[in-house]
Amino acid sequence: MKRTFLITGASKGIGLALAHRLATRGHTVIGIARNPTDAFPGPLHTLDLSERSANGELARIVKESNVDGVVNNVGLVRAAPLGDIAIETLEEVMRVNLHPALMSIQSALPGMRTRGWGRIVNISSLTVLGSVQRTSYAAAKAALVSFTRSWALELAQTGITVNAVSPGPTETELFRANNPIGSEGEARYLSGVPMGRFGQPDELAAAIEFLLSDDAAFITGQTLHVDGGASIGRSSL
């Protein structure tokens, strides 16, 4: 059956790769992104979710689109070492990572309940296991994991599943802009991945696509780490 899915943070990286995978399967894909792109395979709404006023518009788009599934992919990092983290920064990161997720799901929920089918995937991060200079971001992504478990319990008998995907270092445009080939940053990230390479956006998208499918109907409340083994520790080889 063809479905309608909404993806936030959809104009590049994992979000765009997922959109193309879903569109190839014949699904309708609706995107939310701060910047427009001709590469998105469906309606793309230009909306800056870092603005408080955008949440109301996001809720309207989700409700009017009658979506079957939502992928909460938008995020904000704001890296800073302990001792230099402003309360305002923490509040901003928590707001941008969490408020759109809550607004989108609450807007999609009535339609999902009526149809007795729905898929929610929250994009978390490997940083929730501990990462330097990521206090705010890791806290926000850990909260998304908590959302995932709580929502899964509430919706367990409705036909709606809720899961999270936790990416490890992934070779997106943004990642490469901050960590060029041969850089110290690249070496630092690679040292923590037992497979010795970065994930590709389409590999992350494949995992998300599975959790959105009918085949994943008995999976809910889970966090899937797609990270080349980084969440289990360094290889001894």
Protein backbone atom coordinates (compact mmCIF):
# COMPACT_ATOMS: atom_id res chain seq x y z
CA MET A 1 0.00 0.00 0.00
CA LYS A 2 1.22 3.49 -0.85
CA ARG A 3 1.57 5.84 2.11
CA THR A 4 2.23 9.50 2.80
CA PHE A 5 5.28 10.35 4.89
CA LEU A 6 6.53 13.67 6.23
CA ILE A 7 10.23 14.30 6.91
CA THR A 8 11.68 17.29 8.73
CA GLY A 9 15.22 18.38 7.88
CA ALA A 10 14.53 17.00 4.42
CA SER A 11 16.61 19.04 1.99
CA LYS A 12 19.94 17.20 2.34
CA GLY A 13 21.81 14.35 4.01
CA ILE A 14 19.83 11.55 5.61
CA GLY A 15 16.47 13.27 5.14
CA LEU A 16 16.93 13.72 1.40
CA ALA A 17 18.28 10.18 0.95
CA LEU A 18 15.23 8.80 2.75
CA ALA A 19 12.87 10.90 0.65
CA HIS A 20 14.32 9.43 -2.54
CA ARG A 21 14.06 5.86 -1.21
CA LEU A 22 10.41 6.33 -0.25
CA ALA A 23 9.50 8.08 -3.51
CA THR A 24 11.11 5.25 -5.48
CA ARG A 25 8.73 2.83 -3.71
CA GLY A 26 5.77 4.95 -4.86
CA HIS A 27 5.06 6.69 -1.56
CA THR A 28 4.17 10.37 -1.33
CA VAL A 29 6.88 12.30 0.49
CA ILE A 30 6.40 15.74 2.03
CA GLY A 31 9.43 17.65 3.23
CA ILE A 32 10.08 20.42 5.74
CA ALA A 33 13.37 22.25 5.39
CA ARG A 34 14.91 25.63 6.06
CA ASN A 35 16.33 25.90 2.55
CA PRO A 36 14.65 24.99 -0.75
CA THR A 37 16.09 22.42 -3.15
CA ASP A 38 15.03 21.10 -6.53
CA ALA A 39 16.36 17.67 -5.54
CA PHE A 40 13.43 16.81 -3.24
CA PRO A 41 11.05 14.28 -4.84
CA GLY A 42 7.80 15.80 -3.62
CA PRO A 43 6.26 18.88 -1.99
CA LEU A 44 8.88 20.72 0.07
CA HIS A 45 7.75 23.39 2.53
CA THR A 46 10.38 26.00 3.33
CA LEU A 47 10.14 26.49 7.07
CA ASP A 48 12.78 27.39 9.63
CA LEU A 49 11.98 25.19 12.62
CA SER A 50 14.45 27.11 14.77
CA GLU A 51 11.85 29.90 14.84
CA ARG A 52 9.22 29.53 17.54
CA SER A 53 6.53 30.81 15.19
CA ALA A 54 7.18 27.92 12.78
CA ASN A 55 5.62 25.30 15.04
CA GLY A 56 2.09 26.41 14.29
CA GLU A 57 2.71 26.27 10.55
CA LEU A 58 4.32 22.84 10.91
CA ALA A 59 1.26 21.57 12.77
CA ARG A 60 -1.02 22.91 10.02
CA ILE A 61 1.01 21.27 7.24
CA VAL A 62 1.06 17.90 9.02
CA LYS A 63 -2.66 17.96 9.72
CA GLU A 64 -3.67 19.03 6.21
CA SER A 65 -1.35 16.49 4.59
CA ASN A 66 -3.08 13.59 6.37
CA VAL A 67 0.23 11.80 6.82
CA ASP A 68 0.67 8.12 7.64
CA GLY A 69 4.13 8.54 9.10
CA VAL A 70 6.50 11.19 10.41
CA VAL A 71 10.30 11.21 10.56
CA ASN A 72 11.59 13.79 13.04
CA ASN A 73 15.00 14.50 11.54
CA VAL A 74 15.59 18.21 12.14
CA GLY A 75 18.30 19.02 14.68
CA LEU A 76 20.55 21.69 16.14
CA VAL A 77 23.96 21.07 17.73
CA ARG A 78 25.63 24.20 19.25
CA ALA A 79 28.81 22.48 20.45
CA ALA A 80 30.45 23.93 23.58
CA PRO A 81 32.69 22.62 26.38
CA LEU A 82 31.41 22.29 29.92
CA GLY A 83 32.00 25.62 31.63
CA ASP A 84 31.04 27.65 28.56
CA ILE A 85 27.45 26.51 28.02
CA ALA A 86 24.89 29.30 28.31
CA ILE A 87 21.45 28.41 29.64
CA GLU A 88 20.02 30.15 26.58
CA THR A 89 21.98 27.77 24.35
CA LEU A 90 20.69 24.73 26.19
CA GLU A 91 17.14 26.03 25.91
CA GLU A 92 17.53 26.72 22.19
CA VAL A 93 18.92 23.27 21.40
CA MET A 94 16.25 21.51 23.43
CA ARG A 95 13.52 23.59 21.80
CA VAL A 96 14.63 23.04 18.20
CA ASN A 97 15.19 19.30 18.62
CA LEU A 98 12.07 18.58 20.66
CA HIS A 99 9.27 21.07 20.01
CA PRO A 100 8.82 20.31 16.27
CA ALA A 101 8.84 16.58 17.05
CA LEU A 102 6.04 16.95 19.58
CA MET A 103 4.02 19.33 17.39
CA SER A 104 4.26 17.15 14.30
CA ILE A 105 3.21 13.98 16.10
CA GLN A 106 0.31 15.53 17.96
CA SER A 107 -0.96 16.93 14.66
CA ALA A 108 -0.59 13.61 12.82
CA LEU A 109 -2.02 11.47 15.60
CA PRO A 110 -5.79 11.89 14.99
CA GLY A 111 -5.50 10.70 11.39
CA MET A 112 -3.23 7.81 12.32
CA ARG A 113 -5.63 6.70 15.05
CA THR A 114 -8.58 6.83 12.65
CA ARG A 115 -6.77 4.67 10.08
CA GLY A 116 -5.36 2.31 12.71
CA TRP A 117 -1.90 2.60 11.14
CA GLY A 118 1.02 4.93 11.66
CA ARG A 119 4.79 5.14 11.80
CA ILE A 120 6.90 7.53 13.85
CA VAL A 121 10.71 7.54 13.65
CA ASN A 122 12.75 9.94 15.75
CA ILE A 123 16.35 10.55 14.71
CA SER A 124 18.55 10.43 17.78
CA SER A 125 22.36 10.36 17.89
CA LEU A 126 25.33 8.30 19.04
CA THR A 127 26.22 11.28 21.26
CA VAL A 128 23.61 10.20 23.83
CA LEU A 129 26.13 7.57 24.97
CA GLY A 130 28.59 10.33 25.86
CA SER A 131 30.45 12.89 23.76
CA VAL A 132 32.65 15.87 24.52
CA GLN A 133 31.24 19.35 23.88
CA ARG A 134 27.78 17.94 23.18
CA THR A 135 26.01 18.51 26.51
CA SER A 136 23.00 20.31 25.00
CA TYR A 137 22.70 18.23 21.84
CA ALA A 138 23.12 14.88 23.59
CA ALA A 139 20.53 15.86 26.19
CA ALA A 140 18.04 16.78 23.47
CA LYS A 141 18.62 13.58 21.52
CA ALA A 142 18.35 11.51 24.71
CA ALA A 143 15.00 13.19 25.31
CA LEU A 144 13.91 12.04 21.83
CA VAL A 145 14.72 8.47 22.87
CA SER A 146 12.57 9.00 25.95
CA PHE A 147 9.78 10.36 23.75
CA THR A 148 10.10 7.23 21.63
CA ARG A 149 9.66 4.84 24.53
CA SER A 150 6.82 6.77 26.16
CA TRP A 151 4.87 7.26 22.94
CA ALA A 152 5.36 3.61 21.99
CA LEU A 153 3.75 2.54 25.26
CA GLU A 154 0.82 4.90 24.84
CA LEU A 155 0.20 3.84 21.24
CA ALA A 156 1.04 0.13 21.47
CA GLN A 157 -2.51 -1.04 20.73
CA THR A 158 -3.38 1.49 18.04
CA GLY A 159 -1.42 0.17 15.03
CA ILE A 160 1.04 3.05 15.39
CA THR A 161 4.68 2.21 16.05
CA VAL A 162 7.30 4.57 17.42
CA ASN A 163 11.02 3.94 17.06
CA ALA A 164 14.29 5.84 16.97
CA VAL A 165 17.35 5.57 14.77
CA SER A 166 20.69 6.61 16.24
CA PRO A 167 23.25 7.41 13.54
CA GLY A 168 26.96 7.23 14.05
CA PRO A 169 29.33 9.47 12.06
CA THR A 170 27.68 9.84 8.66
CA GLU A 171 29.24 11.33 5.55
CA THR A 172 26.77 14.12 4.90
CA GLU A 173 27.58 17.46 3.29
CA LEU A 174 27.59 19.15 6.68
CA PHE A 175 29.85 16.50 8.21
CA ARG A 176 32.38 16.86 5.39
CA ALA A 177 32.29 20.65 5.61
CA ASN A 178 33.34 20.38 9.27
CA ASN A 179 35.65 17.37 8.84
CA PRO A 180 37.48 17.45 5.49
CA ILE A 181 39.29 14.40 4.17
CA GLY A 182 42.63 14.07 5.96
CA SER A 183 41.64 16.38 8.81
CA GLU A 184 42.14 15.82 12.53
CA GLY A 185 38.38 15.72 12.95
CA GLU A 186 38.01 12.96 10.40
CA ALA A 187 40.69 10.88 12.14
CA ARG A 188 39.09 11.41 15.54
CA TYR A 189 35.67 10.23 14.36
CA LEU A 190 37.07 7.26 12.46
CA SER A 191 38.99 6.10 15.51
CA GLY A 192 35.70 5.43 17.27
CA VAL A 193 34.12 3.35 14.50
CA PRO A 194 35.15 -0.34 14.53
CA MET A 195 34.27 -0.71 10.85
CA GLY A 196 36.82 1.99 10.07
CA ARG A 197 34.58 4.05 7.78
CA PHE A 198 31.73 6.52 7.90
CA GLY A 199 28.11 5.69 7.28
CA GLN A 200 26.48 6.85 4.07
CA PRO A 201 23.17 8.76 4.12
CA ASP A 202 21.48 6.02 2.09
CA GLU A 203 22.54 3.39 4.64
CA LEU A 204 20.82 5.36 7.38
CA ALA A 205 17.84 5.92 5.13
CA ALA A 206 17.54 2.16 4.55
CA ALA A 207 17.18 1.52 8.28
CA ILE A 208 14.58 4.27 8.66
CA GLU A 209 12.67 3.01 5.63
CA PHE A 210 12.42 -0.45 7.19
CA LEU A 211 10.97 0.96 10.43
CA LEU A 212 8.37 2.83 8.34
CA SER A 213 7.30 -0.35 6.57
CA ASP A 214 4.61 -2.94 7.23
CA ASP A 215 7.40 -5.47 7.85
CA ALA A 216 8.32 -3.59 11.05
CA ALA A 217 4.81 -3.81 12.52
CA PHE A 218 5.95 -5.72 15.66
CA ILE A 219 8.82 -3.35 16.46
CA THR A 220 8.08 -0.39 18.72
CA GLY A 221 9.85 1.60 21.41
CA GLN A 222 13.28 0.63 20.12
CA THR A 223 16.41 2.59 19.28
CA LEU A 224 18.37 1.18 16.36
CA HIS A 225 22.05 2.19 16.33
CA VAL A 226 23.31 2.48 12.75
CA ASP A 227 26.90 3.34 13.48
CA GLY A 228 29.42 0.80 12.20
CA GLY A 229 29.73 -0.64 15.71
CA ALA A 230 30.63 2.67 17.39
CA SER A 231 28.04 2.14 20.14
CA ILE A 232 29.71 -1.10 21.27
CA GLY A 233 33.26 0.27 21.49
CA ARG A 234 36.51 0.22 19.59
CA SER A 235 37.68 -2.91 17.84
CA SER A 236 40.73 -4.59 19.36
CA LEU A 237 41.98 -5.67 15.92
